[in-house]
Amino acid sequence: MSKPLNPLNTWFLLGTLVASIVLVPLHLYLNGFVWSEWIACFIMVFLIGTAISAGYHRLFAHRAYRASAPIRFLWLVMGAASFENSALKWSCDHRIHHQFSEDPDKDPYPISKGFWHAHWVWVMESENKPIVGVTDLEKDSMVMWQHRNHFLIGGAFSTLPLWYGIASGHFWGYLIISVLLRIVLTHHTTFLINSMAHWYGTKTYSNRESAKDNFLLAPLTYGEGFHNFHHTWQWDYRNGARWYQWDSTKWILKTLSWTSLVNGLRTVSLAEMQKAKVLAQEERLAAKLSHAKPDLRQPLEGRLSNAKERLVACLSAMEQCRQKYKDVKAQYKKDPRSFAQIKVEWSLKVAEEKRVLRDAWRQWREVQKQIQMNLSQPIV
């Protein structure tokens, strides 16, 4: 049963969308394409979207890193211009979403109620529920200041392009493109994470979550497209954890960490990521094998389990070896001559662990291939 609509949210979301659909083409027809209006629009889209990703999401909702006062202020001011409520309310809803992401009765925007419900209908149905689970944020005076004034702050920041529009004689163009259209683009890129990232993609690290990794979504959402990773390790400051995965927010935060503006970036180890990926693959293969005939299923299940256990053990051993080497390196930091001798010994140990790990990965891939080949034949 659908809930009654929130009039303010509904009129704002539908009004800005309909106005953009009507006014943007009309403006282009009457006044042509003005580069400066669109450049201003996309600069604002990027700044405000980054504030949502880096600020509202990874800092305030998940505490994935620590930020200095200037950075927190910047995220709060620009984030308010998203018109997605205050950082306090946004974080409250988002923490509840992670806690109950597979419970349609408790999750504010469950995908099980449909794509469009998760995308934006839930915002239109939004109730004035009490803010809970954010006592840490309620102690932050800057967050509470933004909570009390987010409409005013958002309005002030959103209309900054209008000053140039007035000076250049393009007020209406900047209002339509750099303010109105920008609001719509900001809304729907954020909403895509709640809808598309739970609808289409791959479950790389966890089969229990509806969240999916979608690399096509990442450039549109400042790196938020790797959503299965995020739901598995929500406290990690990254979404695209590998160096080659698009995550502009990750790159910005990493750059800021080289200064005193940002610190305490939290990350999961590569070994833990790989182990989770292997376990998720094993679950999917085991589910497929469950439909096979017993004489085919049982030996393949045994090989799959053995290959998985060996690979997980090798990943753990490799991680321990690297950590011990790091500790030894720190211990001999003030004695480079002694470390030079120790380094040779540890290099040989790491090389051997790598060799064993490569062999375990080879065995794992061979078992996967064998199972897939057998499952491609009639087996039930």
Protein backbone atom coordinates (compact mmCIF):
# COMPACT_ATOMS: atom_id res chain seq x y z
CA MET A 1 0.00 0.00 0.00
CA SER A 2 1.49 3.32 -1.08
CA LYS A 3 2.03 6.08 1.46
CA PRO A 4 0.62 9.61 1.12
CA LEU A 5 2.91 11.96 -0.76
CA ASN A 6 4.94 14.68 0.90
CA PRO A 7 3.67 17.84 -0.88
CA LEU A 8 6.90 19.85 -0.64
CA ASN A 9 9.17 17.06 -1.86
CA THR A 10 6.77 16.00 -4.61
CA TRP A 11 6.24 19.49 -6.02
CA PHE A 12 9.94 20.31 -5.85
CA LEU A 13 11.11 17.10 -7.58
CA LEU A 14 8.39 17.08 -10.24
CA GLY A 15 8.38 20.87 -10.66
CA THR A 16 12.12 21.18 -11.33
CA LEU A 17 12.04 18.21 -13.72
CA VAL A 18 9.03 19.43 -15.72
CA ALA A 19 10.35 23.00 -15.79
CA SER A 20 13.71 21.74 -17.12
CA ILE A 21 12.06 19.61 -19.81
CA VAL A 22 10.05 22.63 -20.99
CA LEU A 23 12.44 25.55 -20.47
CA VAL A 24 15.80 24.09 -21.55
CA PRO A 25 14.70 23.28 -25.14
CA LEU A 26 12.78 26.57 -25.31
CA HIS A 27 15.84 28.53 -24.18
CA LEU A 28 18.06 26.74 -26.71
CA TYR A 29 15.55 27.46 -29.48
CA LEU A 30 15.22 31.15 -28.64
CA ASN A 31 18.79 32.00 -27.57
CA GLY A 32 20.99 29.25 -28.94
CA PHE A 33 23.79 27.36 -27.22
CA VAL A 34 25.84 29.52 -24.83
CA TRP A 35 29.00 27.69 -23.76
CA SER A 36 29.48 29.62 -20.52
CA GLU A 37 26.04 28.62 -19.23
CA TRP A 38 26.77 24.92 -19.71
CA ILE A 39 30.30 25.15 -18.35
CA ALA A 40 28.94 26.81 -15.21
CA CYS A 41 26.26 24.12 -14.99
CA PHE A 42 28.70 21.21 -15.11
CA ILE A 43 31.18 22.87 -12.75
CA MET A 44 28.36 23.20 -10.22
CA VAL A 45 27.19 19.63 -10.89
CA PHE A 46 30.71 18.34 -10.20
CA LEU A 47 31.31 20.44 -7.07
CA ILE A 48 27.96 19.67 -5.47
CA GLY A 49 28.01 16.00 -6.50
CA THR A 50 31.49 15.61 -5.03
CA ALA A 51 30.27 17.22 -1.80
CA ILE A 52 27.51 14.60 -1.60
CA SER A 53 29.89 11.72 -2.34
CA ALA A 54 32.89 12.84 -0.28
CA GLY A 55 30.99 14.75 2.40
CA TYR A 56 27.46 13.58 3.02
CA HIS A 57 28.21 9.98 2.11
CA ARG A 58 31.77 8.95 2.92
CA LEU A 59 32.53 11.43 5.72
CA PHE A 60 29.30 12.11 7.61
CA ALA A 61 27.31 8.93 6.95
CA HIS A 62 30.19 6.42 7.13
CA ARG A 63 33.09 8.14 8.91
CA ALA A 64 35.45 6.69 6.31
CA TYR A 65 38.05 9.38 7.06
CA ARG A 66 38.64 12.48 9.18
CA ALA A 67 38.42 15.99 7.74
CA SER A 68 39.58 19.37 8.99
CA ALA A 69 37.10 22.17 9.69
CA PRO A 70 37.61 23.92 6.30
CA ILE A 71 36.87 20.71 4.38
CA ARG A 72 33.83 19.86 6.53
CA PHE A 73 32.53 23.40 6.02
CA LEU A 74 33.06 23.14 2.26
CA TRP A 75 31.23 19.79 2.03
CA LEU A 76 28.33 21.09 4.14
CA VAL A 77 27.89 24.31 2.15
CA MET A 78 28.12 22.67 -1.27
CA GLY A 79 26.13 19.63 -0.14
CA ALA A 80 23.25 21.84 0.98
CA ALA A 81 22.97 23.03 -2.65
CA SER A 82 21.99 19.50 -3.68
CA PHE A 83 18.62 20.10 -2.01
CA GLU A 84 18.75 16.55 -0.67
CA ASN A 85 18.11 17.66 2.91
CA SER A 86 20.74 18.32 5.57
CA ALA A 87 23.82 16.15 6.13
CA LEU A 88 22.28 15.04 9.44
CA LYS A 89 18.99 13.80 7.91
CA TRP A 90 20.75 12.39 4.84
CA SER A 91 23.14 10.40 7.04
CA CYS A 92 20.30 9.18 9.24
CA ASP A 93 18.40 7.76 6.24
CA HIS A 94 21.56 6.30 4.74
CA ARG A 95 22.69 4.54 7.90
CA ILE A 96 19.23 2.99 8.23
CA HIS A 97 19.48 1.90 4.59
CA HIS A 98 22.74 0.05 5.27
CA GLN A 99 21.44 -1.50 8.47
CA PHE A 100 18.24 -2.80 6.84
CA SER A 101 19.10 -2.85 3.13
CA GLU A 102 17.32 -6.17 2.58
CA ASP A 103 14.28 -5.36 4.76
CA PRO A 104 11.58 -3.61 2.69
CA ASP A 105 9.73 -2.49 5.81
CA LYS A 106 12.70 -0.72 7.43
CA ASP A 107 14.91 0.35 4.52
CA PRO A 108 13.88 3.90 3.44
CA TYR A 109 14.50 3.05 -0.25
CA PRO A 110 14.42 -0.75 -0.82
CA ILE A 111 14.93 -1.93 -4.38
CA SER A 112 12.44 -4.73 -3.72
CA LYS A 113 9.64 -2.15 -4.07
CA GLY A 114 10.72 -1.41 -7.62
CA PHE A 115 13.25 0.65 -9.55
CA TRP A 116 11.31 3.93 -9.47
CA HIS A 117 10.41 3.63 -5.82
CA ALA A 118 14.10 3.27 -4.92
CA HIS A 119 15.00 6.04 -7.36
CA TRP A 120 12.74 8.85 -6.17
CA VAL A 121 9.23 7.82 -5.15
CA TRP A 122 10.53 7.18 -1.63
CA VAL A 123 11.56 10.86 -1.44
CA MET A 124 8.05 11.93 -2.42
CA GLU A 125 6.63 9.62 0.27
CA SER A 126 9.18 10.78 2.84
CA GLU A 127 7.70 11.15 6.31
CA ASN A 128 8.84 13.45 9.09
CA LYS A 129 10.31 10.63 11.11
CA PRO A 130 12.57 11.35 14.10
CA ILE A 131 16.28 11.53 13.35
CA VAL A 132 18.03 8.56 14.96
CA GLY A 133 21.42 6.83 14.87
CA VAL A 134 23.47 9.98 14.33
CA THR A 135 24.39 11.05 17.86
CA ASP A 136 27.99 11.50 16.73
CA LEU A 137 26.88 14.08 14.16
CA GLU A 138 24.57 15.80 16.62
CA LYS A 139 27.67 16.65 18.67
CA ASP A 140 29.20 18.45 15.66
CA SER A 141 28.23 22.14 15.87
CA MET A 142 28.99 22.70 12.18
CA VAL A 143 26.69 19.84 11.12
CA MET A 144 23.91 21.18 13.36
CA TRP A 145 24.35 24.70 11.95
CA GLN A 146 23.90 23.31 8.45
CA HIS A 147 20.90 21.22 9.59
CA ARG A 148 19.10 24.34 10.82
CA ASN A 149 19.94 26.44 7.75
CA HIS A 150 20.40 24.03 4.84
CA PHE A 151 17.69 25.60 2.65
CA LEU A 152 19.20 29.06 3.02
CA ILE A 153 22.77 27.80 2.54
CA GLY A 154 21.77 25.70 -0.47
CA GLY A 155 19.92 28.56 -2.07
CA ALA A 156 22.84 30.94 -1.61
CA PHE A 157 25.41 28.55 -3.12
CA SER A 158 23.13 27.36 -5.94
CA THR A 159 22.55 30.86 -7.23
CA LEU A 160 26.22 31.86 -7.43
CA PRO A 161 26.24 31.48 -11.26
CA LEU A 162 23.46 34.04 -11.51
CA TRP A 163 25.88 36.82 -10.57
CA TYR A 164 27.90 36.13 -13.70
CA GLY A 165 24.65 35.78 -15.64
CA ILE A 166 23.60 39.26 -14.54
CA ALA A 167 27.01 40.73 -15.41
CA SER A 168 27.09 39.08 -18.84
CA GLY A 169 23.47 39.81 -19.73
CA HIS A 170 22.46 36.13 -19.69
CA PHE A 171 20.47 36.01 -16.46
CA TRP A 172 17.65 33.80 -17.74
CA GLY A 173 20.06 31.42 -19.45
CA TYR A 174 22.08 30.94 -16.28
CA LEU A 175 18.90 30.52 -14.25
CA ILE A 176 17.57 27.80 -16.56
CA ILE A 177 20.82 25.94 -17.32
CA SER A 178 23.16 26.57 -14.37
CA VAL A 179 20.55 26.56 -11.60
CA LEU A 180 17.38 24.73 -12.64
CA LEU A 181 18.88 22.02 -14.86
CA ARG A 182 21.80 21.63 -12.46
CA ILE A 183 19.42 20.80 -9.60
CA VAL A 184 17.74 18.09 -11.69
CA LEU A 185 21.08 16.56 -12.76
CA THR A 186 22.33 16.53 -9.17
CA HIS A 187 19.17 14.85 -7.94
CA HIS A 188 19.09 12.08 -10.49
CA THR A 189 22.78 11.20 -10.41
CA THR A 190 22.42 10.69 -6.66
CA PHE A 191 19.16 8.77 -7.07
CA LEU A 192 20.82 6.39 -9.56
CA ILE A 193 22.84 4.89 -6.71
CA ASN A 194 19.68 3.93 -4.83
CA SER A 195 18.06 2.49 -7.96
CA MET A 196 20.44 1.42 -10.74
CA ALA A 197 23.27 0.35 -8.40
CA HIS A 198 20.83 -2.05 -6.72
CA TRP A 199 19.24 -3.12 -10.00
CA TYR A 200 21.95 -3.90 -12.54
CA GLY A 201 25.58 -5.01 -12.24
CA THR A 202 27.67 -7.73 -10.63
CA LYS A 203 27.82 -9.02 -7.07
CA THR A 204 31.58 -9.08 -6.86
CA TYR A 205 32.15 -9.46 -3.11
CA SER A 206 28.84 -10.44 -1.52
CA ASN A 207 25.84 -12.38 -2.80
CA ARG A 208 23.72 -11.45 0.20
CA GLU A 209 23.41 -7.78 -0.76
CA SER A 210 21.17 -6.43 -3.52
CA ALA A 211 23.88 -3.80 -4.16
CA LYS A 212 25.82 -4.36 -7.38
CA ASP A 213 29.06 -3.10 -8.92
CA ASN A 214 28.36 -1.13 -12.09
CA PHE A 215 31.45 0.41 -13.70
CA LEU A 216 29.33 2.35 -16.22
CA LEU A 217 27.63 4.17 -13.35
CA ALA A 218 30.89 5.19 -11.65
CA PRO A 219 31.81 8.20 -13.88
CA LEU A 220 28.29 9.62 -13.51
CA THR A 221 28.29 9.32 -9.73
CA TYR A 222 31.83 10.39 -8.72
CA GLY A 223 32.91 6.77 -8.20
CA GLU A 224 29.84 5.52 -6.35
CA GLY A 225 29.07 2.85 -8.95
CA PHE A 226 31.02 0.08 -7.21
CA HIS A 227 28.15 -0.44 -4.82
CA ASN A 228 28.62 -4.10 -3.93
CA PHE A 229 32.08 -3.23 -2.65
CA HIS A 230 30.60 -0.31 -0.71
CA HIS A 231 27.90 -2.39 0.98
CA THR A 232 30.49 -5.01 1.91
CA TRP A 233 32.91 -2.47 3.42
CA GLN A 234 30.89 0.69 3.91
CA TRP A 235 33.60 2.20 6.12
CA ASP A 236 36.22 2.21 3.32
CA TYR A 237 36.86 5.70 1.93
CA ARG A 238 36.95 4.23 -1.58
CA ASN A 239 34.19 2.77 -3.73
CA GLY A 240 36.39 1.88 -6.67
CA ALA A 241 39.08 0.18 -4.61
CA ARG A 242 41.40 -0.88 -7.42
CA TRP A 243 43.66 1.74 -8.99
CA TYR A 244 42.05 1.33 -12.42
CA GLN A 245 38.44 1.72 -11.19
CA TRP A 246 36.94 5.16 -11.76
CA ASP A 247 36.39 6.93 -8.44
CA SER A 248 36.97 10.67 -8.66
CA THR A 249 36.03 11.08 -5.00
CA LYS A 250 38.73 8.60 -3.98
CA TRP A 251 41.35 10.50 -5.98
CA ILE A 252 40.29 13.84 -4.49
CA LEU A 253 40.40 12.49 -0.93
CA LYS A 254 43.75 10.80 -1.52
CA THR A 255 45.17 14.08 -2.84
CA LEU A 256 43.79 16.00 0.15
CA SER A 257 45.36 13.42 2.48
CA TRP A 258 48.81 14.60 1.34
CA THR A 259 47.97 17.80 3.21
CA SER A 260 46.66 18.28 6.74
CA LEU A 261 43.14 18.82 5.41
CA VAL A 262 42.16 15.12 5.37
CA ASN A 263 43.56 12.14 7.27
CA GLY A 264 42.69 8.71 8.63
CA LEU A 265 41.62 7.23 5.31
CA ARG A 266 40.18 3.81 6.15
CA THR A 267 40.74 0.90 3.75
CA VAL A 268 40.18 -2.82 3.60
CA SER A 269 43.21 -4.90 2.61
CA LEU A 270 43.58 -6.35 -0.86
CA ALA A 271 43.77 -9.84 0.66
CA GLU A 272 40.40 -9.41 2.40
CA MET A 273 38.88 -8.17 -0.86
CA GLN A 274 40.23 -11.15 -2.77
CA LYS A 275 39.05 -13.61 -0.11
CA ALA A 276 35.54 -12.14 -0.19
CA LYS A 277 35.53 -12.33 -3.98
CA VAL A 278 36.57 -16.00 -3.90
CA LEU A 279 33.91 -16.87 -1.31
CA ALA A 280 31.23 -15.12 -3.38
CA GLN A 281 32.33 -17.03 -6.49
CA GLU A 282 32.27 -20.31 -4.55
CA GLU A 283 28.71 -19.62 -3.34
CA ARG A 284 27.48 -19.02 -6.89
CA LEU A 285 29.21 -22.11 -8.27
CA ALA A 286 27.95 -24.27 -5.40
CA ALA A 287 24.40 -23.06 -6.06
CA LYS A 288 24.72 -24.11 -9.71
CA LEU A 289 26.23 -27.47 -8.76
CA SER A 290 23.31 -28.20 -6.42
CA HIS A 291 21.15 -28.93 -9.48
CA ALA A 292 23.61 -31.46 -10.94
CA LYS A 293 23.42 -35.25 -10.65
CA PRO A 294 25.10 -36.57 -7.46
CA ASP A 295 27.80 -38.53 -9.31
CA LEU A 296 28.88 -35.30 -11.05
CA ARG A 297 28.17 -32.87 -8.23
CA GLN A 298 30.03 -34.52 -5.35
CA PRO A 299 33.55 -34.72 -6.86
CA LEU A 300 33.28 -31.19 -8.27
CA GLU A 301 32.10 -29.85 -4.90
CA GLY A 302 35.11 -31.47 -3.26
CA ARG A 303 37.55 -29.92 -5.76
CA LEU A 304 35.86 -26.55 -5.42
CA SER A 305 36.07 -26.62 -1.62
CA ASN A 306 39.72 -27.73 -1.62
CA ALA A 307 40.76 -25.06 -4.15
CA LYS A 308 38.90 -22.39 -2.19
CA GLU A 309 40.45 -23.37 1.15
CA ARG A 310 43.93 -23.45 -0.34
CA LEU A 311 43.55 -20.08 -2.04
CA VAL A 312 42.11 -18.38 1.08
CA ALA A 313 44.96 -19.81 3.18
CA CYS A 314 47.55 -18.58 0.65
CA LEU A 315 46.00 -15.11 0.58
CA SER A 316 46.17 -14.95 4.39
CA ALA A 317 49.77 -16.17 4.39
CA MET A 318 50.75 -13.59 1.75
CA GLU A 319 49.14 -10.80 3.76
CA GLN A 320 50.91 -11.90 6.97
CA CYS A 321 54.24 -12.12 5.15
CA ARG A 322 53.89 -8.60 3.76
CA GLN A 323 52.89 -7.22 7.15
CA LYS A 324 55.88 -8.88 8.86
CA TYR A 325 58.20 -7.49 6.19
CA LYS A 326 56.74 -4.02 6.77
CA ASP A 327 57.29 -4.38 10.52
CA VAL A 328 60.89 -5.52 10.03
CA LYS A 329 61.53 -2.65 7.64
CA ALA A 330 60.27 -0.18 10.25
CA GLN A 331 62.40 -1.84 12.93
CA TYR A 332 65.61 -1.47 10.90
CA LYS A 333 64.81 2.00 9.57
CA LYS A 334 67.63 3.61 11.55
CA ASP A 335 70.14 0.90 10.61
CA PRO A 336 70.23 0.72 6.77
CA ARG A 337 73.28 -1.59 6.65
CA SER A 338 71.63 -4.28 8.75
CA PHE A 339 68.38 -3.86 6.83
CA ALA A 340 70.20 -4.45 3.53
CA GLN A 341 71.09 -7.97 4.73
CA ILE A 342 67.61 -8.65 6.12
CA LYS A 343 65.99 -7.32 2.93
CA VAL A 344 67.52 -10.08 0.79
CA GLU A 345 66.18 -12.76 3.13
CA TRP A 346 62.69 -11.25 3.21
CA SER A 347 62.64 -10.69 -0.55
CA LEU A 348 63.16 -14.42 -1.00
CA LYS A 349 60.35 -15.18 1.48
CA VAL A 350 57.92 -12.83 -0.29
CA ALA A 351 58.89 -14.26 -3.69
CA GLU A 352 58.17 -17.79 -2.46
CA GLU A 353 54.77 -16.75 -1.04
CA LYS A 354 53.95 -15.11 -4.37
CA ARG A 355 54.87 -18.31 -6.23
CA VAL A 356 52.64 -20.43 -3.98
CA LEU A 357 49.81 -17.90 -4.31
CA ARG A 358 50.08 -17.87 -8.12
CA ASP A 359 49.78 -21.65 -8.11
CA ALA A 360 46.70 -21.46 -5.85
CA TRP A 361 45.09 -18.92 -8.19
CA ARG A 362 45.85 -21.21 -11.17
CA GLN A 363 44.20 -24.15 -9.40
CA TRP A 364 41.16 -22.01 -8.55
CA ARG A 365 40.72 -20.88 -12.15
CA GLU A 366 41.07 -24.44 -13.42
CA VAL A 367 38.37 -25.71 -11.06
CA GLN A 368 36.05 -22.86 -12.07
CA LYS A 369 36.64 -23.66 -15.73
CA GLN A 370 36.04 -27.37 -15.15
CA ILE A 371 32.75 -26.70 -13.36
CA GLN A 372 31.56 -24.30 -16.05
CA MET A 373 32.39 -26.85 -18.77
CA ASN A 374 30.44 -29.58 -16.98
CA LEU A 375 27.50 -27.30 -16.26
CA SER A 376 27.28 -26.34 -19.93
CA GLN A 377 26.20 -29.94 -20.61
CA PRO A 378 22.82 -31.45 -19.63
CA ILE A 379 23.33 -32.34 -15.98
CA VAL A 380 19.83 -32.80 -14.52
